[in-house]
Each structure stands twice: as structure tokens, then as C-alpha cells.
Amino acid sequence: AGGSTSYADSVKGRFTVSRDNVKKTVYLQMNSLKPED
């Protein structure tokens, strides 16, 4: 239901995962991108 999320330490604070269960789609918002991404 999107109520809880978890992240790898390497992306925590920069990436955000979300979902839309009506559209049956999951998203990953990636900010402050680094070459190692």
C-alpha cells in the first residue's frame, strides 16, 4: 500500500520509491545523481 519504504545506504536521502496501485506502476525518483549511480 506504499506505507513503508526502505533504501540501500548508497542512495538513502537521494532516491524516493513510490507506487500507484490504480495505474499498477511503481516509481523511483532519483535526485542528486552521482556517476556511481
PDB file of all heavy atoms in Angstrom:
ATOM      1  N   ALA A   1       0.810  -1.214   0.000  1.00  0.00           N
ATOM      2  CA  ALA A   1       0.000   0.000   0.000  1.00  0.00           C
ATOM      3  C   ALA A   1       0.847   1.270   0.000  1.00  0.00           C
ATOM      4  O   ALA A   1       0.297   2.374   0.045  1.00  0.00           O
ATOM      5  CB  ALA A   1      -0.942   0.006   1.195  1.00  0.00           C
ATOM      6  N   GLY A   2       2.156   1.121  -0.031  1.00  0.00           N
ATOM      7  CA  GLY A   2       3.039   2.269  -0.054  1.00  0.00           C
ATOM      8  C   GLY A   2       3.306   2.897   1.296  1.00  0.00           C
ATOM      9  O   GLY A   2       3.884   3.986   1.363  1.00  0.00           O
ATOM     10  N   GLY A   3       2.939   2.201   2.371  1.00  0.00           N
ATOM     11  CA  GLY A   3       3.068   2.781   3.694  1.00  0.00           C
ATOM     12  C   GLY A   3       4.457   2.735   4.296  1.00  0.00           C
ATOM     13  O   GLY A   3       4.720   3.440   5.277  1.00  0.00           O
ATOM     14  N   SER A   4       5.330   1.923   3.744  1.00  0.00           N
ATOM     15  CA  SER A   4       6.680   1.785   4.279  1.00  0.00           C
ATOM     16  C   SER A   4       7.654   1.606   3.132  1.00  0.00           C
ATOM     17  O   SER A   4       7.352   0.905   2.158  1.00  0.00           O
ATOM     18  CB  SER A   4       6.760   0.595   5.238  1.00  0.00           C
ATOM     19  OG  SER A   4       8.047   0.490   5.805  1.00  0.00           O
ATOM     20  N   THR A   5       8.820   2.231   3.240  1.00  0.00           N
ATOM     21  CA  THR A   5       9.859   2.128   2.224  1.00  0.00           C
ATOM     22  C   THR A   5      11.195   1.834   2.871  1.00  0.00           C
ATOM     23  O   THR A   5      11.406   2.103   4.053  1.00  0.00           O
ATOM     24  CB  THR A   5       9.971   3.412   1.396  1.00  0.00           C
ATOM     25  OG1 THR A   5      10.262   4.519   2.261  1.00  0.00           O
ATOM     26  CG2 THR A   5       8.674   3.699   0.653  1.00  0.00           C
ATOM     27  N   SER A   6      12.116   1.286   2.075  1.00  0.00           N
ATOM     28  CA  SER A   6      13.466   1.046   2.532  1.00  0.00           C
ATOM     29  C   SER A   6      14.423   1.304   1.383  1.00  0.00           C
ATOM     30  O   SER A   6      14.050   1.196   0.210  1.00  0.00           O
ATOM     31  CB  SER A   6      13.637  -0.379   3.064  1.00  0.00           C
ATOM     32  OG  SER A   6      13.378  -1.338   2.053  1.00  0.00           O
ATOM     33  N   TYR A   7      15.682   1.646   1.715  1.00  0.00           N
ATOM     34  CA  TYR A   7      16.665   2.051   0.722  1.00  0.00           C
ATOM     35  C   TYR A   7      18.039   1.516   1.062  1.00  0.00           C
ATOM     36  O   TYR A   7      18.390   1.363   2.236  1.00  0.00           O
ATOM     37  CB  TYR A   7      16.755   3.580   0.634  1.00  0.00           C
ATOM     38  CG  TYR A   7      15.454   4.241   0.281  1.00  0.00           C
ATOM     39  CD1 TYR A   7      14.569   4.652   1.271  1.00  0.00           C
ATOM     40  CD2 TYR A   7      15.104   4.445  -1.049  1.00  0.00           C
ATOM     41  CE1 TYR A   7      13.362   5.252   0.942  1.00  0.00           C
ATOM     42  CE2 TYR A   7      13.903   5.041  -1.385  1.00  0.00           C
ATOM     43  CZ  TYR A   7      13.035   5.441  -0.384  1.00  0.00           C
ATOM     44  OH  TYR A   7      11.839   6.032  -0.713  1.00  0.00           O
ATOM     45  N   ALA A   8      18.817   1.260   0.024  1.00  0.00           N
ATOM     46  CA  ALA A   8      20.226   0.969   0.222  1.00  0.00           C
ATOM     47  C   ALA A   8      20.919   2.206   0.777  1.00  0.00           C
ATOM     48  O   ALA A   8      20.552   3.341   0.457  1.00  0.00           O
ATOM     49  CB  ALA A   8      20.875   0.558  -1.096  1.00  0.00           C
ATOM     50  N   ASP A   9      21.936   1.994   1.608  1.00  0.00           N
ATOM     51  CA  ASP A   9      22.644   3.123   2.206  1.00  0.00           C
ATOM     52  C   ASP A   9      23.215   4.072   1.149  1.00  0.00           C
ATOM     53  O   ASP A   9      23.273   5.286   1.366  1.00  0.00           O
ATOM     54  CB  ASP A   9      23.778   2.622   3.103  1.00  0.00           C
ATOM     55  CG  ASP A   9      23.277   2.003   4.394  1.00  0.00           C
ATOM     56  OD1 ASP A   9      22.115   2.253   4.774  1.00  0.00           O
ATOM     57  OD2 ASP A   9      24.056   1.275   5.032  1.00  0.00           O
ATOM     58  N   SER A  10      23.603   3.540   0.015  1.00  0.00           N
ATOM     59  CA  SER A  10      24.232   4.344  -1.023  1.00  0.00           C
ATOM     60  C   SER A  10      23.288   5.350  -1.677  1.00  0.00           C
ATOM     61  O   SER A  10      23.752   6.312  -2.293  1.00  0.00           O
ATOM     62  CB  SER A  10      24.841   3.438  -2.095  1.00  0.00           C
ATOM     63  OG  SER A  10      23.845   2.620  -2.688  1.00  0.00           O
ATOM     64  N   VAL A  11      21.971   5.141  -1.563  1.00  0.00           N
ATOM     65  CA  VAL A  11      21.007   6.034  -2.200  1.00  0.00           C
ATOM     66  C   VAL A  11      20.099   6.732  -1.202  1.00  0.00           C
ATOM     67  O   VAL A  11      19.311   7.608  -1.592  1.00  0.00           O
ATOM     68  CB  VAL A  11      20.151   5.294  -3.246  1.00  0.00           C
ATOM     69  CG1 VAL A  11      21.038   4.548  -4.230  1.00  0.00           C
ATOM     70  CG2 VAL A  11      19.172   4.337  -2.577  1.00  0.00           C
ATOM     71  N   LYS A  12      20.184   6.389   0.062  1.00  0.00           N
ATOM     72  CA  LYS A  12      19.304   6.952   1.080  1.00  0.00           C
ATOM     73  C   LYS A  12      19.439   8.473   1.132  1.00  0.00           C
ATOM     74  O   LYS A  12      20.544   9.010   1.167  1.00  0.00           O
ATOM     75  CB  LYS A  12      19.626   6.331   2.438  1.00  0.00           C
ATOM     76  CG  LYS A  12      18.585   6.590   3.514  1.00  0.00           C
ATOM     77  CD  LYS A  12      18.892   5.764   4.765  1.00  0.00           C
ATOM     78  CE  LYS A  12      18.861   4.276   4.478  1.00  0.00           C
ATOM     79  NZ  LYS A  12      19.120   3.459   5.695  1.00  0.00           N
ATOM     80  N   GLY A  13      18.304   9.155   1.124  1.00  0.00           N
ATOM     81  CA  GLY A  13      18.286  10.605   1.133  1.00  0.00           C
ATOM     82  C   GLY A  13      18.279  11.229  -0.239  1.00  0.00           C
ATOM     83  O   GLY A  13      18.025  12.435  -0.369  1.00  0.00           O
ATOM     84  N   ARG A  14      18.565  10.448  -1.267  1.00  0.00           N
ATOM     85  CA  ARG A  14      18.601  10.950  -2.638  1.00  0.00           C
ATOM     86  C   ARG A  14      17.487  10.354  -3.505  1.00  0.00           C
ATOM     87  O   ARG A  14      16.980  11.023  -4.405  1.00  0.00           O
ATOM     88  CB  ARG A  14      19.944  10.656  -3.295  1.00  0.00           C
ATOM     89  CG  ARG A  14      21.128  11.294  -2.574  1.00  0.00           C
ATOM     90  CD  ARG A  14      22.429  11.117  -3.358  1.00  0.00           C
ATOM     91  NE  ARG A  14      22.796   9.710  -3.504  1.00  0.00           N
ATOM     92  CZ  ARG A  14      22.906   9.076  -4.663  1.00  0.00           C
ATOM     93  NH1 ARG A  14      22.688   9.735  -5.811  1.00  0.00           N
ATOM     94  NH2 ARG A  14      23.257   7.794  -4.703  1.00  0.00           N
ATOM     95  N   PHE A  15      17.123   9.092  -3.257  1.00  0.00           N
ATOM     96  CA  PHE A  15      16.115   8.395  -4.050  1.00  0.00           C
ATOM     97  C   PHE A  15      14.838   8.240  -3.237  1.00  0.00           C
ATOM     98  O   PHE A  15      14.882   8.080  -2.007  1.00  0.00           O
ATOM     99  CB  PHE A  15      16.603   6.998  -4.452  1.00  0.00           C
ATOM    100  CG  PHE A  15      17.717   6.958  -5.461  1.00  0.00           C
ATOM    101  CD1 PHE A  15      18.425   8.093  -5.822  1.00  0.00           C
ATOM    102  CD2 PHE A  15      18.059   5.748  -6.047  1.00  0.00           C
ATOM    103  CE1 PHE A  15      19.450   8.042  -6.749  1.00  0.00           C
ATOM    104  CE2 PHE A  15      19.084   5.675  -6.977  1.00  0.00           C
ATOM    105  CZ  PHE A  15      19.782   6.824  -7.327  1.00  0.00           C
ATOM    106  N   THR A  16      13.692   8.236  -3.927  1.00  0.00           N
ATOM    107  CA  THR A  16      12.397   8.020  -3.302  1.00  0.00           C
ATOM    108  C   THR A  16      11.584   7.052  -4.151  1.00  0.00           C
ATOM    109  O   THR A  16      11.372   7.293  -5.340  1.00  0.00           O
ATOM    110  CB  THR A  16      11.616   9.331  -3.138  1.00  0.00           C
ATOM    111  OG1 THR A  16      12.383  10.265  -2.380  1.00  0.00           O
ATOM    112  CG2 THR A  16      10.289   9.072  -2.427  1.00  0.00           C
ATOM    113  N   VAL A  17      11.121   5.954  -3.540  1.00  0.00           N
ATOM    114  CA  VAL A  17      10.279   4.992  -4.241  1.00  0.00           C
ATOM    115  C   VAL A  17       8.816   5.250  -3.873  1.00  0.00           C
ATOM    116  O   VAL A  17       8.503   5.559  -2.715  1.00  0.00           O
ATOM    117  CB  VAL A  17      10.698   3.543  -3.918  1.00  0.00           C
ATOM    118  CG1 VAL A  17      10.560   3.232  -2.429  1.00  0.00           C
ATOM    119  CG2 VAL A  17       9.918   2.548  -4.757  1.00  0.00           C
ATOM    120  N   SER A  18       7.924   5.150  -4.853  1.00  0.00           N
ATOM    121  CA  SER A  18       6.501   5.336  -4.627  1.00  0.00           C
ATOM    122  C   SER A  18       5.731   4.425  -5.572  1.00  0.00           C
ATOM    123  O   SER A  18       6.323   3.789  -6.450  1.00  0.00           O
ATOM    124  CB  SER A  18       6.095   6.797  -4.826  1.00  0.00           C
ATOM    125  OG  SER A  18       6.362   7.220  -6.152  1.00  0.00           O
ATOM    126  N   ARG A  19       4.401   4.352  -5.402  1.00  0.00           N
ATOM    127  CA  ARG A  19       3.611   3.490  -6.285  1.00  0.00           C
ATOM    128  C   ARG A  19       2.208   4.040  -6.450  1.00  0.00           C
ATOM    129  O   ARG A  19       1.703   4.784  -5.607  1.00  0.00           O
ATOM    130  CB  ARG A  19       3.566   2.054  -5.748  1.00  0.00           C
ATOM    131  CG  ARG A  19       2.817   1.892  -4.435  1.00  0.00           C
ATOM    132  CD  ARG A  19       3.073   0.509  -3.844  1.00  0.00           C
ATOM    133  NE  ARG A  19       2.530  -0.553  -4.677  1.00  0.00           N
ATOM    134  CZ  ARG A  19       2.883  -1.833  -4.603  1.00  0.00           C
ATOM    135  NH1 ARG A  19       3.813  -2.207  -3.717  1.00  0.00           N
ATOM    136  NH2 ARG A  19       2.330  -2.737  -5.396  1.00  0.00           N
ATOM    137  N   ASP A  20       1.577   3.644  -7.561  1.00  0.00           N
ATOM    138  CA  ASP A  20       0.193   3.978  -7.859  1.00  0.00           C
ATOM    139  C   ASP A  20      -0.497   2.661  -8.179  1.00  0.00           C
ATOM    140  O   ASP A  20      -0.292   2.091  -9.251  1.00  0.00           O
ATOM    141  CB  ASP A  20       0.109   4.943  -9.039  1.00  0.00           C
ATOM    142  CG  ASP A  20      -1.307   5.411  -9.329  1.00  0.00           C
ATOM    143  OD1 ASP A  20      -2.264   4.678  -9.039  1.00  0.00           O
ATOM    144  OD2 ASP A  20      -1.459   6.533  -9.851  1.00  0.00           O
ATOM    145  N   ASN A  21      -1.294   2.156  -7.246  1.00  0.00           N
ATOM    146  CA  ASN A  21      -1.906   0.844  -7.420  1.00  0.00           C
ATOM    147  C   ASN A  21      -3.063   0.851  -8.415  1.00  0.00           C
ATOM    148  O   ASN A  21      -3.487  -0.208  -8.876  1.00  0.00           O
ATOM    149  CB  ASN A  21      -2.358   0.290  -6.068  1.00  0.00           C
ATOM    150  CG  ASN A  21      -1.187  -0.209  -5.233  1.00  0.00           C
ATOM    151  OD1 ASN A  21      -0.080  -0.375  -5.736  1.00  0.00           O
ATOM    152  ND2 ASN A  21      -1.427  -0.445  -3.956  1.00  0.00           N
ATOM    153  N   VAL A  22      -3.605   2.029  -8.743  1.00  0.00           N
ATOM    154  CA  VAL A  22      -4.618   2.117  -9.787  1.00  0.00           C
ATOM    155  C   VAL A  22      -3.961   1.962 -11.152  1.00  0.00           C
ATOM    156  O   VAL A  22      -4.453   1.234 -12.018  1.00  0.00           O
ATOM    157  CB  VAL A  22      -5.398   3.439  -9.697  1.00  0.00           C
ATOM    158  CG1 VAL A  22      -6.348   3.576 -10.886  1.00  0.00           C
ATOM    159  CG2 VAL A  22      -6.166   3.510  -8.389  1.00  0.00           C
ATOM    160  N   LYS A  23      -2.843   2.641 -11.349  1.00  0.00           N
ATOM    161  CA  LYS A  23      -2.096   2.534 -12.599  1.00  0.00           C
ATOM    162  C   LYS A  23      -1.202   1.301 -12.647  1.00  0.00           C
ATOM    163  O   LYS A  23      -0.618   1.018 -13.697  1.00  0.00           O
ATOM    164  CB  LYS A  23      -1.244   3.778 -12.809  1.00  0.00           C
ATOM    165  CG  LYS A  23      -2.048   5.051 -12.985  1.00  0.00           C
ATOM    166  CD  LYS A  23      -1.133   6.240 -13.226  1.00  0.00           C
ATOM    167  CE  LYS A  23      -1.923   7.510 -13.455  1.00  0.00           C
ATOM    168  NZ  LYS A  23      -1.026   8.679 -13.678  1.00  0.00           N
ATOM    169  N   LYS A  24      -1.078   0.573 -11.529  1.00  0.00           N
ATOM    170  CA  LYS A  24      -0.215  -0.610 -11.436  1.00  0.00           C
ATOM    171  C   LYS A  24       1.208  -0.263 -11.848  1.00  0.00           C
ATOM    172  O   LYS A  24       1.838  -0.947 -12.661  1.00  0.00           O
ATOM    173  CB  LYS A  24      -0.780  -1.762 -12.266  1.00  0.00           C
ATOM    174  CG  LYS A  24      -2.156  -2.215 -11.814  1.00  0.00           C
ATOM    175  CD  LYS A  24      -2.740  -3.287 -12.710  1.00  0.00           C
ATOM    176  CE  LYS A  24      -1.960  -4.573 -12.633  1.00  0.00           C
ATOM    177  NZ  LYS A  24      -2.613  -5.649 -13.436  1.00  0.00           N
ATOM    178  N   THR A  25       1.720   0.807 -11.266  1.00  0.00           N
ATOM    179  CA  THR A  25       3.036   1.328 -11.607  1.00  0.00           C
ATOM    180  C   THR A  25       3.800   1.688 -10.339  1.00  0.00           C
ATOM    181  O   THR A  25       3.224   2.242  -9.402  1.00  0.00           O
ATOM    182  CB  THR A  25       2.914   2.565 -12.510  1.00  0.00           C
ATOM    183  OG1 THR A  25       2.213   2.212 -13.710  1.00  0.00           O
ATOM    184  CG2 THR A  25       4.282   3.111 -12.879  1.00  0.00           C
ATOM    185  N   VAL A  26       5.092   1.365 -10.320  1.00  0.00           N
ATOM    186  CA  VAL A  26       5.980   1.778  -9.248  1.00  0.00           C
ATOM    187  C   VAL A  26       7.006   2.745  -9.826  1.00  0.00           C
ATOM    188  O   VAL A  26       7.428   2.599 -10.980  1.00  0.00           O
ATOM    189  CB  VAL A  26       6.648   0.558  -8.564  1.00  0.00           C
ATOM    190  CG1 VAL A  26       7.480  -0.240  -9.554  1.00  0.00           C
ATOM    191  CG2 VAL A  26       7.476   0.995  -7.370  1.00  0.00           C
ATOM    192  N   TYR A  27       7.388   3.747  -9.034  1.00  0.00           N
ATOM    193  CA  TYR A  27       8.266   4.806  -9.492  1.00  0.00           C
ATOM    194  C   TYR A  27       9.526   4.875  -8.642  1.00  0.00           C
ATOM    195  O   TYR A  27       9.534   4.467  -7.475  1.00  0.00           O
ATOM    196  CB  TYR A  27       7.567   6.166  -9.409  1.00  0.00           C
ATOM    197  CG  TYR A  27       6.264   6.236 -10.156  1.00  0.00           C
ATOM    198  CD1 TYR A  27       5.053   6.012  -9.510  1.00  0.00           C
ATOM    199  CD2 TYR A  27       6.244   6.530 -11.519  1.00  0.00           C
ATOM    200  CE1 TYR A  27       3.856   6.078 -10.198  1.00  0.00           C
ATOM    201  CE2 TYR A  27       5.046   6.599 -12.208  1.00  0.00           C
ATOM    202  CZ  TYR A  27       3.856   6.374 -11.548  1.00  0.00           C
ATOM    203  OH  TYR A  27       2.671   6.441 -12.237  1.00  0.00           O
ATOM    204  N   LEU A  28      10.584   5.413  -9.225  1.00  0.00           N
ATOM    205  CA  LEU A  28      11.805   5.707  -8.486  1.00  0.00           C
ATOM    206  C   LEU A  28      12.265   7.107  -8.869  1.00  0.00           C
ATOM    207  O   LEU A  28      12.732   7.323  -9.989  1.00  0.00           O
ATOM    208  CB  LEU A  28      12.907   4.686  -8.783  1.00  0.00           C
ATOM    209  CG  LEU A  28      14.180   4.835  -7.946  1.00  0.00           C
ATOM    210  CD1 LEU A  28      13.897   4.527  -6.475  1.00  0.00           C
ATOM    211  CD2 LEU A  28      15.294   3.937  -8.466  1.00  0.00           C
ATOM    212  N   GLN A  29      12.098   8.057  -7.953  1.00  0.00           N
ATOM    213  CA  GLN A  29      12.584   9.414  -8.150  1.00  0.00           C
ATOM    214  C   GLN A  29      14.034   9.468  -7.700  1.00  0.00           C
ATOM    215  O   GLN A  29      14.331   9.171  -6.540  1.00  0.00           O
ATOM    216  CB  GLN A  29      11.747  10.411  -7.352  1.00  0.00           C
ATOM    217  CG  GLN A  29      12.218  11.858  -7.463  1.00  0.00           C
ATOM    218  CD  GLN A  29      12.047  12.426  -8.843  1.00  0.00           C
ATOM    219  OE1 GLN A  29      10.989  12.276  -9.451  1.00  0.00           O
ATOM    220  NE2 GLN A  29      13.075  13.075  -9.365  1.00  0.00           N
ATOM    221  N   MET A  30      14.929   9.854  -8.594  1.00  0.00           N
ATOM    222  CA  MET A  30      16.359   9.878  -8.317  1.00  0.00           C
ATOM    223  C   MET A  30      16.856  11.312  -8.416  1.00  0.00           C
ATOM    224  O   MET A  30      16.794  11.922  -9.486  1.00  0.00           O
ATOM    225  CB  MET A  30      17.115   8.982  -9.295  1.00  0.00           C
ATOM    226  CG  MET A  30      16.594   7.550  -9.342  1.00  0.00           C
ATOM    227  SD  MET A  30      17.615   6.465 -10.382  1.00  0.00           S
ATOM    228  CE  MET A  30      17.383   7.265 -11.972  1.00  0.00           C
ATOM    229  N   ASN A  31      17.339  11.847  -7.311  1.00  0.00           N
ATOM    230  CA  ASN A  31      17.871  13.199  -7.251  1.00  0.00           C
ATOM    231  C   ASN A  31      19.351  13.163  -6.885  1.00  0.00           C
ATOM    232  O   ASN A  31      19.857  12.165  -6.381  1.00  0.00           O
ATOM    233  CB  ASN A  31      17.107  14.033  -6.220  1.00  0.00           C
ATOM    234  CG  ASN A  31      15.645  14.185  -6.538  1.00  0.00           C
ATOM    235  OD1 ASN A  31      15.247  14.262  -7.702  1.00  0.00           O
ATOM    236  ND2 ASN A  31      14.819  14.247  -5.500  1.00  0.00           N
ATOM    237  N   SER A  32      20.031  14.271  -7.116  1.00  0.00           N
ATOM    238  CA  SER A  32      21.452  14.402  -6.777  1.00  0.00           C
ATOM    239  C   SER A  32      22.253  13.223  -7.299  1.00  0.00           C
ATOM    240  O   SER A  32      23.067  12.622  -6.590  1.00  0.00           O
ATOM    241  CB  SER A  32      21.617  14.545  -5.258  1.00  0.00           C
ATOM    242  OG  SER A  32      20.907  15.661  -4.765  1.00  0.00           O
ATOM    243  N   LEU A  33      22.048  12.897  -8.555  1.00  0.00           N
ATOM    244  CA  LEU A  33      22.660  11.703  -9.137  1.00  0.00           C
ATOM    245  C   LEU A  33      24.180  11.822  -9.198  1.00  0.00           C
ATOM    246  O   LEU A  33      24.727  12.901  -9.422  1.00  0.00           O
ATOM    247  CB  LEU A  33      22.092  11.448 -10.523  1.00  0.00           C
ATOM    248  CG  LEU A  33      20.692  10.825 -10.505  1.00  0.00           C
ATOM    249  CD1 LEU A  33      20.010  11.008 -11.856  1.00  0.00           C
ATOM    250  CD2 LEU A  33      20.785   9.345 -10.147  1.00  0.00           C
ATOM    251  N   LYS A  34      24.833  10.685  -8.985  1.00  0.00           N
ATOM    252  CA  LYS A  34      26.286  10.574  -8.988  1.00  0.00           C
ATOM    253  C   LYS A  34      26.721   9.608 -10.078  1.00  0.00           C
ATOM    254  O   LYS A  34      25.955   8.724 -10.474  1.00  0.00           O
ATOM    255  CB  LYS A  34      26.776  10.057  -7.632  1.00  0.00           C
ATOM    256  CG  LYS A  34      26.344  10.883  -6.436  1.00  0.00           C
ATOM    257  CD  LYS A  34      26.780  10.210  -5.142  1.00  0.00           C
ATOM    258  CE  LYS A  34      26.355  11.009  -3.932  1.00  0.00           C
ATOM    259  NZ  LYS A  34      26.768  10.344  -2.668  1.00  0.00           N
ATOM    260  N   PRO A  35      27.964   9.720 -10.567  1.00  0.00           N
ATOM    261  CA  PRO A  35      28.430   8.769 -11.579  1.00  0.00           C
ATOM    262  C   PRO A  35      28.299   7.313 -11.140  1.00  0.00           C
ATOM    263  O   PRO A  35      28.033   6.450 -11.983  1.00  0.00           O
ATOM    264  CB  PRO A  35      29.900   9.165 -11.771  1.00  0.00           C
ATOM    265  CG  PRO A  35      29.920  10.626 -11.478  1.00  0.00           C
ATOM    266  CD  PRO A  35      28.942  10.805 -10.341  1.00  0.00           C
ATOM    267  N   GLU A  36      28.462   7.023  -9.856  1.00  0.00           N
ATOM    268  CA  GLU A  36      28.344   5.664  -9.377  1.00  0.00           C
ATOM    269  C   GLU A  36      26.918   5.123  -9.408  1.00  0.00           C
ATOM    270  O   GLU A  36      26.693   3.938  -9.152  1.00  0.00           O
ATOM    271  CB  GLU A  36      28.934   5.516  -7.965  1.00  0.00           C
ATOM    272  CG  GLU A  36      28.425   6.545  -6.978  1.00  0.00           C
ATOM    273  CD  GLU A  36      29.374   7.719  -6.805  1.00  0.00           C
ATOM    274  OE1 GLU A  36      29.859   8.241  -7.837  1.00  0.00           O
ATOM    275  OE2 GLU A  36      29.636   8.117  -5.658  1.00  0.00           O
ATOM    276  N   ASP A  37      25.934   5.973  -9.721  1.00  0.00           N
ATOM    277  CA  ASP A  37      24.565   5.516  -9.919  1.00  0.00           C
ATOM    278  C   ASP A  37      24.350   4.947 -11.314  1.00  0.00           C
ATOM    279  O   ASP A  37      23.270   4.409 -11.598  1.00  0.00           O
ATOM    280  CB  ASP A  37      23.573   6.657  -9.693  1.00  0.00           C
ATOM    281  CG  ASP A  37      23.571   7.167  -8.261  1.00  0.00           C
ATOM    282  OD1 ASP A  37      23.619   6.344  -7.327  1.00  0.00           O
ATOM    283  OD2 ASP A  37      23.509   8.399  -8.078  1.00  0.00           O
TER     284      ASP A  37
END
